[in-house]
């Protein structure tokens, strides 16, 4: 991941952030997003969107909610190619697609949590979310809802965080130090 920095060293220039600190921060982002994807994948597996843990209540995106979001996306978008593809392929075959979506979310979660092909996992998340965001742009929703998920995924697709506190470093070494996808 580049040069190593001793965290006990005094940094003389306060504008310089030690590399190790940045790596740890990005790994924390990767793991947090892995937990986010895992929780929604589990909600889809269990078919249960609502949870009450006593001290908090929350909901997750289960298969039914995902189907409703897809339906709203298709009926709202003025972007014809996306509307046609999602209506004719995804929504028309949602019985199969809901399980593809669940498996994809689970794979993304595992990749991000354990740093296994983490950049591919982030790219997979981008491929699932970006078209939905574009299709929902005209629905008068909070504009930054999807970019709050998309921007960190872009960073995680670029920065090889799986090489630190993950298995990508071992995989890169095994495959002759390949830069991508590790």
Protein backbone atom coordinates (compact mmCIF):
# COMPACT_ATOMS: atom_id res chain seq x y z
CA UNK A 1 0.00 0.00 0.00
CA UNK A 2 3.02 2.26 -0.18
CA UNK A 3 5.22 3.66 2.55
CA UNK A 4 4.68 2.66 6.16
CA UNK A 5 4.39 5.33 8.79
CA UNK A 6 4.99 4.98 12.52
CA UNK A 7 1.82 6.25 14.19
CA UNK A 8 3.84 7.26 17.29
CA UNK A 9 6.01 9.62 15.25
CA UNK A 10 5.30 13.29 15.63
CA UNK A 11 4.09 14.71 12.34
CA UNK A 12 5.92 17.97 11.80
CA UNK A 13 3.55 19.32 9.16
CA UNK A 14 0.00 19.32 10.58
CA UNK A 15 -1.39 19.25 7.02
CA UNK A 16 0.19 15.84 6.40
CA UNK A 17 -1.91 12.82 7.35
CA UNK A 18 0.07 9.63 7.96
CA UNK A 19 -0.55 6.97 5.32
CA UNK A 20 -1.45 4.33 7.91
CA UNK A 21 -4.16 6.57 9.31
CA UNK A 22 -5.70 7.09 5.86
CA UNK A 23 -5.57 3.36 5.16
CA UNK A 24 -7.33 2.58 8.43
CA UNK A 25 -10.00 5.19 7.71
CA UNK A 26 -10.71 3.74 4.26
CA UNK A 27 -10.76 0.21 5.67
CA UNK A 28 -13.35 1.40 8.21
CA UNK A 29 -15.44 2.80 5.34
CA UNK A 30 -15.07 -0.50 3.47
CA UNK A 31 -16.19 -2.55 6.47
CA UNK A 32 -19.08 -0.20 7.25
CA UNK A 33 -20.37 -0.50 3.69
CA UNK A 34 -19.87 -4.26 3.86
CA UNK A 35 -22.15 -4.33 6.91
CA UNK A 36 -24.68 -2.15 5.08
CA UNK A 37 -24.80 -4.54 2.11
CA UNK A 38 -24.85 -7.57 4.42
CA UNK A 39 -27.81 -6.29 6.43
CA UNK A 40 -29.89 -5.73 3.30
CA UNK A 41 -28.87 -9.11 1.86
CA UNK A 42 -29.95 -10.80 5.11
CA UNK A 43 -33.26 -8.90 5.03
CA UNK A 44 -33.80 -10.29 1.52
CA UNK A 45 -32.87 -13.81 2.58
CA UNK A 46 -35.22 -13.67 5.57
CA UNK A 47 -37.93 -11.73 3.74
CA UNK A 48 -38.16 -9.43 6.73
CA UNK A 49 -37.86 -5.65 6.31
CA UNK A 50 -38.78 -4.39 9.81
CA UNK A 51 -36.78 -4.90 12.99
CA UNK A 52 -37.33 -3.93 16.61
CA UNK A 53 -34.35 -4.40 18.89
CA UNK A 54 -35.96 -2.71 21.89
CA UNK A 55 -33.61 0.27 21.95
CA UNK A 56 -34.15 0.98 18.24
CA UNK A 57 -36.50 0.13 15.41
CA UNK A 58 -35.45 0.21 11.78
CA UNK A 59 -36.18 -1.20 8.38
CA UNK A 60 -34.05 -2.70 5.65
CA UNK A 61 -34.60 -3.34 1.97
CA UNK A 62 -36.09 -6.81 1.57
CA UNK A 63 -37.09 -8.40 -1.75
CA UNK A 64 -40.56 -6.82 -1.71
CA UNK A 65 -39.21 -3.35 -1.01
CA UNK A 66 -36.55 -3.77 -3.70
CA UNK A 67 -39.29 -4.79 -6.15
CA UNK A 68 -41.31 -1.69 -5.22
CA UNK A 69 -38.25 0.54 -5.73
CA UNK A 70 -37.66 -1.05 -9.13
CA UNK A 71 -41.29 -0.58 -10.11
CA UNK A 72 -41.20 3.08 -9.04
CA UNK A 73 -37.93 3.55 -10.96
CA UNK A 74 -39.37 2.10 -14.15
CA UNK A 75 -42.61 4.08 -13.99
CA UNK A 76 -40.87 7.37 -13.12
CA UNK A 77 -37.90 7.60 -15.39
CA UNK A 78 -37.85 9.57 -18.61
CA UNK A 79 -34.61 7.73 -19.56
CA UNK A 80 -35.98 5.38 -22.21
CA UNK A 81 -33.09 2.87 -22.45
CA UNK A 82 -33.08 2.30 -18.69
CA UNK A 83 -36.89 2.15 -18.53
CA UNK A 84 -37.06 -0.40 -21.35
CA UNK A 85 -34.27 -2.59 -19.98
CA UNK A 86 -35.55 -2.59 -16.41
CA UNK A 87 -39.20 -3.04 -17.42
CA UNK A 88 -38.61 -5.76 -20.02
CA UNK A 89 -35.78 -7.65 -18.33
CA UNK A 90 -35.57 -6.96 -14.61
CA UNK A 91 -39.15 -6.26 -13.52
CA UNK A 92 -40.61 -8.77 -15.99
CA UNK A 93 -38.37 -11.46 -14.49
CA UNK A 94 -38.33 -10.26 -10.91
CA UNK A 95 -38.98 -13.78 -9.64
CA UNK A 96 -35.46 -14.68 -10.76
CA UNK A 97 -33.91 -11.24 -10.41
CA UNK A 98 -34.82 -10.93 -6.71
CA UNK A 99 -32.56 -13.91 -5.98
CA UNK A 100 -29.81 -12.58 -8.27
CA UNK A 101 -30.02 -9.29 -6.35
CA UNK A 102 -29.83 -11.12 -3.01
CA UNK A 103 -26.79 -13.15 -4.13
CA UNK A 104 -25.11 -10.05 -5.58
CA UNK A 105 -25.64 -8.10 -2.35
CA UNK A 106 -24.27 -11.00 -0.32
CA UNK A 107 -21.19 -11.24 -2.59
CA UNK A 108 -20.64 -7.47 -2.35
CA UNK A 109 -20.94 -7.67 1.44
CA UNK A 110 -18.42 -10.51 1.73
CA UNK A 111 -16.00 -8.78 -0.64
CA UNK A 112 -16.14 -5.52 1.29
CA UNK A 113 -16.13 -7.03 4.78
CA UNK A 114 -13.19 -9.35 4.21
CA UNK A 115 -11.29 -7.43 1.54
CA UNK A 116 -11.77 -10.15 -1.07
CA UNK A 117 -11.85 -8.59 -4.53
CA UNK A 118 -12.97 -5.49 -2.67
CA UNK A 119 -12.66 -3.18 -5.68
CA UNK A 120 -14.80 -5.55 -7.75
CA UNK A 121 -17.33 -5.64 -4.89
CA UNK A 122 -17.48 -1.84 -4.82
CA UNK A 123 -17.89 -1.77 -8.59
CA UNK A 124 -20.71 -4.30 -8.29
CA UNK A 125 -22.46 -2.05 -5.78
CA UNK A 126 -22.09 0.86 -8.17
CA UNK A 127 -23.59 -1.20 -11.00
CA UNK A 128 -26.64 -2.02 -8.87
CA UNK A 129 -27.26 1.46 -7.43
CA UNK A 130 -26.31 3.93 -10.16
CA UNK A 131 -29.07 3.08 -12.67
CA UNK A 132 -31.69 3.25 -9.92
CA UNK A 133 -30.43 6.70 -8.88
CA UNK A 134 -30.61 7.96 -12.46
CA UNK A 135 -34.12 6.58 -12.89
CA UNK A 136 -35.33 8.16 -9.65
CA UNK A 137 -33.85 11.62 -10.29
CA UNK A 138 -37.23 12.99 -11.38
CA UNK A 139 -39.21 11.73 -8.35
CA UNK A 140 -38.59 14.76 -6.12
CA UNK A 141 -36.71 12.67 -3.58
CA UNK A 142 -33.78 13.93 -1.55
CA UNK A 143 -31.14 14.41 -4.25
CA UNK A 144 -28.23 13.00 -2.22
CA UNK A 145 -29.90 9.78 -1.08
CA UNK A 146 -28.08 7.58 -3.57
CA UNK A 147 -24.85 9.61 -3.91
CA UNK A 148 -24.30 9.08 -0.18
CA UNK A 149 -23.89 5.40 -1.11
CA UNK A 150 -22.30 5.96 -4.51
CA UNK A 151 -19.42 8.31 -3.63
CA UNK A 152 -17.75 5.99 -1.08
CA UNK A 153 -18.21 3.06 -3.46
CA UNK A 154 -16.34 5.03 -6.15
CA UNK A 155 -13.46 5.54 -3.70
CA UNK A 156 -13.50 1.88 -2.72
CA UNK A 157 -13.45 0.84 -6.38
CA UNK A 158 -10.34 2.98 -6.94
CA UNK A 159 -8.36 2.51 -3.72
CA UNK A 160 -7.19 -1.05 -2.99
CA UNK A 161 -8.34 -1.12 0.64
CA UNK A 162 -8.60 -4.91 0.59
CA UNK A 163 -4.81 -5.08 0.61
CA UNK A 164 -4.83 -3.72 4.15
CA UNK A 165 -6.79 -5.76 6.67
CA UNK A 166 -8.14 -7.99 3.92
CA UNK A 167 -7.26 -10.86 1.63
CA UNK A 168 -6.56 -8.82 -1.50
CA UNK A 169 -2.90 -8.39 -0.55
CA UNK A 170 -2.44 -12.16 -0.46
CA UNK A 171 -4.37 -12.57 -3.70
CA UNK A 172 -2.31 -9.85 -5.43
CA UNK A 173 0.92 -11.56 -4.35
CA UNK A 174 -0.37 -14.92 -5.56
CA UNK A 175 -1.30 -13.49 -8.95
CA UNK A 176 2.05 -11.81 -9.60
CA UNK A 177 1.23 -8.54 -7.89
CA UNK A 178 -1.68 -7.69 -10.16
CA UNK A 179 -2.99 -4.21 -9.45
CA UNK A 180 -6.53 -4.85 -10.59
CA UNK A 181 -8.81 -6.25 -9.24
CA UNK A 182 -6.83 -6.47 -6.01
